[in-house]
Amino acid sequence: VAIGIEIASSPLRAINDLGPAVTVSDF
């Protein structure tokens, strides 16, 4: 178990507004 930082990033600027299925599709 370690501490860390996840870097979330996507080409889709609005990815978090497009729903979980879209988020899943882009890694």
PDB file of all heavy atoms in Angstrom:
ATOM      1  N   VAL A   1       0.865  -1.176   0.000  1.00  0.00           N
ATOM      2  CA  VAL A   1       0.000   0.000   0.000  1.00  0.00           C
ATOM      3  C   VAL A   1       0.903   1.229   0.000  1.00  0.00           C
ATOM      4  O   VAL A   1       1.837   1.332   0.789  1.00  0.00           O
ATOM      5  CB  VAL A   1      -0.931   0.029   1.227  1.00  0.00           C
ATOM      6  CG1 VAL A   1      -1.779   1.296   1.224  1.00  0.00           C
ATOM      7  CG2 VAL A   1      -1.804  -1.214   1.265  1.00  0.00           C
ATOM      8  N   ALA A   2       0.619   2.160  -0.905  1.00  0.00           N
ATOM      9  CA  ALA A   2       1.415   3.379  -1.001  1.00  0.00           C
ATOM     10  C   ALA A   2       0.483   4.576  -1.149  1.00  0.00           C
ATOM     11  O   ALA A   2      -0.721   4.439  -1.403  1.00  0.00           O
ATOM     12  CB  ALA A   2       2.377   3.301  -2.196  1.00  0.00           C
ATOM     13  N   ILE A   3       1.040   5.760  -0.981  1.00  0.00           N
ATOM     14  CA  ILE A   3       0.281   6.978  -1.259  1.00  0.00           C
ATOM     15  C   ILE A   3       0.633   7.437  -2.669  1.00  0.00           C
ATOM     16  O   ILE A   3       1.681   7.087  -3.209  1.00  0.00           O
ATOM     17  CB  ILE A   3       0.581   8.092  -0.237  1.00  0.00           C
ATOM     18  CG1 ILE A   3       2.054   8.529  -0.321  1.00  0.00           C
ATOM     19  CG2 ILE A   3       0.237   7.622   1.161  1.00  0.00           C
ATOM     20  CD1 ILE A   3       2.381   9.750   0.526  1.00  0.00           C
ATOM     21  N   GLY A   4      -0.257   8.228  -3.274  1.00  0.00           N
ATOM     22  CA  GLY A   4       0.042   8.673  -4.617  1.00  0.00           C
ATOM     23  C   GLY A   4      -0.930   9.700  -5.146  1.00  0.00           C
ATOM     24  O   GLY A   4      -1.859  10.132  -4.461  1.00  0.00           O
ATOM     25  N   ILE A   5      -0.683  10.088  -6.383  1.00  0.00           N
ATOM     26  CA  ILE A   5      -1.537  11.029  -7.094  1.00  0.00           C
ATOM     27  C   ILE A   5      -1.876  10.420  -8.451  1.00  0.00           C
ATOM     28  O   ILE A   5      -0.972  10.070  -9.220  1.00  0.00           O
ATOM     29  CB  ILE A   5      -0.860  12.396  -7.295  1.00  0.00           C
ATOM     30  CG1 ILE A   5      -0.569  13.061  -5.955  1.00  0.00           C
ATOM     31  CG2 ILE A   5      -1.719  13.306  -8.170  1.00  0.00           C
ATOM     32  CD1 ILE A   5       0.205  14.370  -6.063  1.00  0.00           C
ATOM     33  N   GLU A   6      -3.178  10.294  -8.726  1.00  0.00           N
ATOM     34  CA  GLU A   6      -3.584   9.913 -10.072  1.00  0.00           C
ATOM     35  C   GLU A   6      -3.736  11.169 -10.909  1.00  0.00           C
ATOM     36  O   GLU A   6      -4.321  12.157 -10.458  1.00  0.00           O
ATOM     37  CB  GLU A   6      -4.916   9.155 -10.090  1.00  0.00           C
ATOM     38  CG  GLU A   6      -5.253   8.691 -11.518  1.00  0.00           C
ATOM     39  CD  GLU A   6      -6.717   8.468 -11.797  1.00  0.00           C
ATOM     40  OE1 GLU A   6      -7.518   8.386 -10.847  1.00  0.00           O
ATOM     41  OE2 GLU A   6      -7.072   8.396 -12.985  1.00  0.00           O
ATOM     42  N   ILE A   7      -3.194  11.127 -12.116  1.00  0.00           N
ATOM     43  CA  ILE A   7      -3.374  12.215 -13.060  1.00  0.00           C
ATOM     44  C   ILE A   7      -4.468  11.802 -14.036  1.00  0.00           C
ATOM     45  O   ILE A   7      -4.306  10.866 -14.828  1.00  0.00           O
ATOM     46  CB  ILE A   7      -2.079  12.531 -13.819  1.00  0.00           C
ATOM     47  CG1 ILE A   7      -0.971  12.935 -12.838  1.00  0.00           C
ATOM     48  CG2 ILE A   7      -2.328  13.623 -14.856  1.00  0.00           C
ATOM     49  CD1 ILE A   7      -1.283  14.156 -12.001  1.00  0.00           C
ATOM     50  N   ALA A   8      -5.590  12.482 -13.943  1.00  0.00           N
ATOM     51  CA  ALA A   8      -6.689  12.246 -14.879  1.00  0.00           C
ATOM     52  C   ALA A   8      -6.526  13.210 -16.042  1.00  0.00           C
ATOM     53  O   ALA A   8      -6.310  14.405 -15.833  1.00  0.00           O
ATOM     54  CB  ALA A   8      -8.032  12.468 -14.192  1.00  0.00           C
ATOM     55  N   SER A   9      -6.602  12.696 -17.261  1.00  0.00           N
ATOM     56  CA  SER A   9      -6.515  13.575 -18.421  1.00  0.00           C
ATOM     57  C   SER A   9      -7.073  12.853 -19.626  1.00  0.00           C
ATOM     58  O   SER A   9      -6.908  11.631 -19.774  1.00  0.00           O
ATOM     59  CB  SER A   9      -5.070  14.010 -18.679  1.00  0.00           C
ATOM     60  OG  SER A   9      -5.023  15.027 -19.676  1.00  0.00           O
ATOM     61  N   SER A  10      -7.725  13.605 -20.487  1.00  0.00           N
ATOM     62  CA  SER A  10      -8.380  13.065 -21.671  1.00  0.00           C
ATOM     63  C   SER A  10      -8.380  14.119 -22.764  1.00  0.00           C
ATOM     64  O   SER A  10      -8.407  15.322 -22.467  1.00  0.00           O
ATOM     65  CB  SER A  10      -9.825  12.668 -21.339  1.00  0.00           C
ATOM     66  OG  SER A  10     -10.582  12.434 -22.519  1.00  0.00           O
ATOM     67  N   PRO A  11      -8.379  13.695 -24.031  1.00  0.00           N
ATOM     68  CA  PRO A  11      -8.555  14.667 -25.107  1.00  0.00           C
ATOM     69  C   PRO A  11      -9.921  15.355 -25.039  1.00  0.00           C
ATOM     70  O   PRO A  11     -10.085  16.464 -25.546  1.00  0.00           O
ATOM     71  CB  PRO A  11      -8.446  13.820 -26.384  1.00  0.00           C
ATOM     72  CG  PRO A  11      -7.782  12.560 -25.966  1.00  0.00           C
ATOM     73  CD  PRO A  11      -8.176  12.342 -24.546  1.00  0.00           C
ATOM     74  N   LEU A  12     -10.897  14.690 -24.417  1.00  0.00           N
ATOM     75  CA  LEU A  12     -12.257  15.217 -24.327  1.00  0.00           C
ATOM     76  C   LEU A  12     -12.341  16.254 -23.207  1.00  0.00           C
ATOM     77  O   LEU A  12     -12.263  15.923 -22.025  1.00  0.00           O
ATOM     78  CB  LEU A  12     -13.247  14.096 -24.060  1.00  0.00           C
ATOM     79  CG  LEU A  12     -13.447  13.103 -25.206  1.00  0.00           C
ATOM     80  CD1 LEU A  12     -14.039  11.798 -24.688  1.00  0.00           C
ATOM     81  CD2 LEU A  12     -14.329  13.713 -26.277  1.00  0.00           C
ATOM     82  N   ARG A  13     -12.506  17.490 -23.566  1.00  0.00           N
ATOM     83  CA  ARG A  13     -12.527  18.560 -22.557  1.00  0.00           C
ATOM     84  C   ARG A  13     -13.676  18.380 -21.569  1.00  0.00           C
ATOM     85  O   ARG A  13     -13.560  18.691 -20.389  1.00  0.00           O
ATOM     86  CB  ARG A  13     -12.665  19.926 -23.246  1.00  0.00           C
ATOM     87  CG  ARG A  13     -11.575  20.232 -24.255  1.00  0.00           C
ATOM     88  CD  ARG A  13     -11.765  21.622 -24.847  1.00  0.00           C
ATOM     89  NE  ARG A  13     -10.888  21.819 -25.998  1.00  0.00           N
ATOM     90  CZ  ARG A  13     -11.286  21.701 -27.269  1.00  0.00           C
ATOM     91  NH1 ARG A  13     -12.547  21.413 -27.525  1.00  0.00           N
ATOM     92  NH2 ARG A  13     -10.448  21.899 -28.257  1.00  0.00           N
ATOM     93  N   ALA A  14     -14.795  17.877 -22.064  1.00  0.00           N
ATOM     94  CA  ALA A  14     -15.994  17.753 -21.224  1.00  0.00           C
ATOM     95  C   ALA A  14     -16.240  16.319 -20.787  1.00  0.00           C
ATOM     96  O   ALA A  14     -17.378  15.948 -20.496  1.00  0.00           O
ATOM     97  CB  ALA A  14     -17.208  18.289 -21.984  1.00  0.00           C
ATOM     98  N   ILE A  15     -15.198  15.501 -20.687  1.00  0.00           N
ATOM     99  CA  ILE A  15     -15.388  14.072 -20.437  1.00  0.00           C
ATOM    100  C   ILE A  15     -16.227  13.809 -19.183  1.00  0.00           C
ATOM    101  O   ILE A  15     -17.073  12.908 -19.186  1.00  0.00           O
ATOM    102  CB  ILE A  15     -14.033  13.326 -20.358  1.00  0.00           C
ATOM    103  CG1 ILE A  15     -14.276  11.803 -20.270  1.00  0.00           C
ATOM    104  CG2 ILE A  15     -13.161  13.842 -19.220  1.00  0.00           C
ATOM    105  CD1 ILE A  15     -13.031  10.976 -20.462  1.00  0.00           C
ATOM    106  N   ASN A  16     -16.031  14.579 -18.145  1.00  0.00           N
ATOM    107  CA  ASN A  16     -16.763  14.320 -16.906  1.00  0.00           C
ATOM    108  C   ASN A  16     -18.225  14.748 -16.969  1.00  0.00           C
ATOM    109  O   ASN A  16     -18.995  14.483 -16.046  1.00  0.00           O
ATOM    110  CB  ASN A  16     -16.068  14.991 -15.718  1.00  0.00           C
ATOM    111  CG  ASN A  16     -14.899  14.166 -15.216  1.00  0.00           C
ATOM    112  OD1 ASN A  16     -14.598  13.109 -15.752  1.00  0.00           O
ATOM    113  ND2 ASN A  16     -14.229  14.643 -14.191  1.00  0.00           N
ATOM    114  N   ASP A  17     -18.597  15.420 -18.052  1.00  0.00           N
ATOM    115  CA  ASP A  17     -19.994  15.818 -18.231  1.00  0.00           C
ATOM    116  C   ASP A  17     -20.740  14.873 -19.165  1.00  0.00           C
ATOM    117  O   ASP A  17     -21.951  15.034 -19.361  1.00  0.00           O
ATOM    118  CB  ASP A  17     -20.073  17.237 -18.806  1.00  0.00           C
ATOM    119  CG  ASP A  17     -19.406  18.269 -17.914  1.00  0.00           C
ATOM    120  OD1 ASP A  17     -19.518  18.129 -16.679  1.00  0.00           O
ATOM    121  OD2 ASP A  17     -18.771  19.193 -18.455  1.00  0.00           O
ATOM    122  N   LEU A  18     -20.040  13.891 -19.735  1.00  0.00           N
ATOM    123  CA  LEU A  18     -20.628  13.032 -20.764  1.00  0.00           C
ATOM    124  C   LEU A  18     -21.066  11.670 -20.241  1.00  0.00           C
ATOM    125  O   LEU A  18     -21.565  10.853 -21.006  1.00  0.00           O
ATOM    126  CB  LEU A  18     -19.620  12.845 -21.919  1.00  0.00           C
ATOM    127  CG  LEU A  18     -19.205  14.143 -22.624  1.00  0.00           C
ATOM    128  CD1 LEU A  18     -18.162  13.849 -23.696  1.00  0.00           C
ATOM    129  CD2 LEU A  18     -20.411  14.840 -23.225  1.00  0.00           C
ATOM    130  N   GLY A  19     -20.886  11.431 -18.960  1.00  0.00           N
ATOM    131  CA  GLY A  19     -21.382  10.197 -18.361  1.00  0.00           C
ATOM    132  C   GLY A  19     -20.330   9.125 -18.174  1.00  0.00           C
ATOM    133  O   GLY A  19     -19.290   9.127 -18.830  1.00  0.00           O
ATOM    134  N   PRO A  20     -20.587   8.172 -17.251  1.00  0.00           N
ATOM    135  CA  PRO A  20     -19.607   7.136 -16.914  1.00  0.00           C
ATOM    136  C   PRO A  20     -19.211   6.246 -18.091  1.00  0.00           C
ATOM    137  O   PRO A  20     -18.057   5.816 -18.173  1.00  0.00           O
ATOM    138  CB  PRO A  20     -20.319   6.317 -15.831  1.00  0.00           C
ATOM    139  CG  PRO A  20     -21.351   7.230 -15.275  1.00  0.00           C
ATOM    140  CD  PRO A  20     -21.792   8.100 -16.413  1.00  0.00           C
ATOM    141  N   ALA A  21     -20.137   5.936 -19.000  1.00  0.00           N
ATOM    142  CA  ALA A  21     -19.806   5.055 -20.121  1.00  0.00           C
ATOM    143  C   ALA A  21     -18.769   5.697 -21.029  1.00  0.00           C
ATOM    144  O   ALA A  21     -17.857   5.022 -21.543  1.00  0.00           O
ATOM    145  CB  ALA A  21     -21.064   4.696 -20.911  1.00  0.00           C
ATOM    146  N   VAL A  22     -18.864   7.010 -21.235  1.00  0.00           N
ATOM    147  CA  VAL A  22     -17.861   7.722 -22.019  1.00  0.00           C
ATOM    148  C   VAL A  22     -16.524   7.721 -21.290  1.00  0.00           C
ATOM    149  O   VAL A  22     -15.471   7.495 -21.890  1.00  0.00           O
ATOM    150  CB  VAL A  22     -18.333   9.167 -22.312  1.00  0.00           C
ATOM    151  CG1 VAL A  22     -17.174  10.030 -22.807  1.00  0.00           C
ATOM    152  CG2 VAL A  22     -19.447   9.148 -23.348  1.00  0.00           C
ATOM    153  N   THR A  23     -16.551   7.965 -19.986  1.00  0.00           N
ATOM    154  CA  THR A  23     -15.310   7.930 -19.203  1.00  0.00           C
ATOM    155  C   THR A  23     -14.625   6.581 -19.335  1.00  0.00           C
ATOM    156  O   THR A  23     -13.407   6.496 -19.555  1.00  0.00           O
ATOM    157  CB  THR A  23     -15.602   8.227 -17.724  1.00  0.00           C
ATOM    158  OG1 THR A  23     -16.167   9.541 -17.617  1.00  0.00           O
ATOM    159  CG2 THR A  23     -14.341   8.162 -16.884  1.00  0.00           C
ATOM    160  N   VAL A  24     -15.387   5.500 -19.209  1.00  0.00           N
ATOM    161  CA  VAL A  24     -14.835   4.152 -19.354  1.00  0.00           C
ATOM    162  C   VAL A  24     -14.187   3.984 -20.716  1.00  0.00           C
ATOM    163  O   VAL A  24     -13.088   3.414 -20.846  1.00  0.00           O
ATOM    164  CB  VAL A  24     -15.937   3.094 -19.142  1.00  0.00           C
ATOM    165  CG1 VAL A  24     -15.498   1.725 -19.655  1.00  0.00           C
ATOM    166  CG2 VAL A  24     -16.299   3.005 -17.667  1.00  0.00           C
ATOM    167  N   SER A  25     -14.846   4.463 -21.770  1.00  0.00           N
ATOM    168  CA  SER A  25     -14.349   4.229 -23.123  1.00  0.00           C
ATOM    169  C   SER A  25     -13.001   4.865 -23.365  1.00  0.00           C
ATOM    170  O   SER A  25     -12.207   4.370 -24.175  1.00  0.00           O
ATOM    171  CB  SER A  25     -15.362   4.742 -24.152  1.00  0.00           C
ATOM    172  OG  SER A  25     -15.397   6.164 -24.204  1.00  0.00           O
ATOM    173  N   ASP A  26     -12.680   5.963 -22.682  1.00  0.00           N
ATOM    174  CA  ASP A  26     -11.394   6.639 -22.862  1.00  0.00           C
ATOM    175  C   ASP A  26     -10.477   6.364 -21.678  1.00  0.00           C
ATOM    176  O   ASP A  26     -10.044   7.274 -20.956  1.00  0.00           O
ATOM    177  CB  ASP A  26     -11.600   8.141 -23.042  1.00  0.00           C
ATOM    178  CG  ASP A  26     -10.307   8.851 -23.443  1.00  0.00           C
ATOM    179  OD1 ASP A  26      -9.471   8.231 -24.129  1.00  0.00           O
ATOM    180  OD2 ASP A  26     -10.128  10.013 -23.045  1.00  0.00           O
ATOM    181  N   PHE A  27     -10.188   5.087 -21.467  1.00  0.00           N
ATOM    182  CA  PHE A  27      -9.236   4.646 -20.441  1.00  0.00           C
ATOM    183  C   PHE A  27      -9.589   5.138 -19.047  1.00  0.00           C
ATOM    184  O   PHE A  27      -8.721   5.320 -18.191  1.00  0.00           O
ATOM    185  CB  PHE A  27      -7.802   5.075 -20.786  1.00  0.00           C
ATOM    186  CG  PHE A  27      -7.268   4.499 -22.062  1.00  0.00           C
ATOM    187  CD1 PHE A  27      -6.314   5.181 -22.810  1.00  0.00           C
ATOM    188  CD2 PHE A  27      -7.700   3.264 -22.527  1.00  0.00           C
ATOM    189  CE1 PHE A  27      -5.813   4.650 -23.984  1.00  0.00           C
ATOM    190  CE2 PHE A  27      -7.200   2.726 -23.703  1.00  0.00           C
ATOM    191  CZ  PHE A  27      -6.252   3.412 -24.443  1.00  0.00           C
TER     192      PHE A  27
END
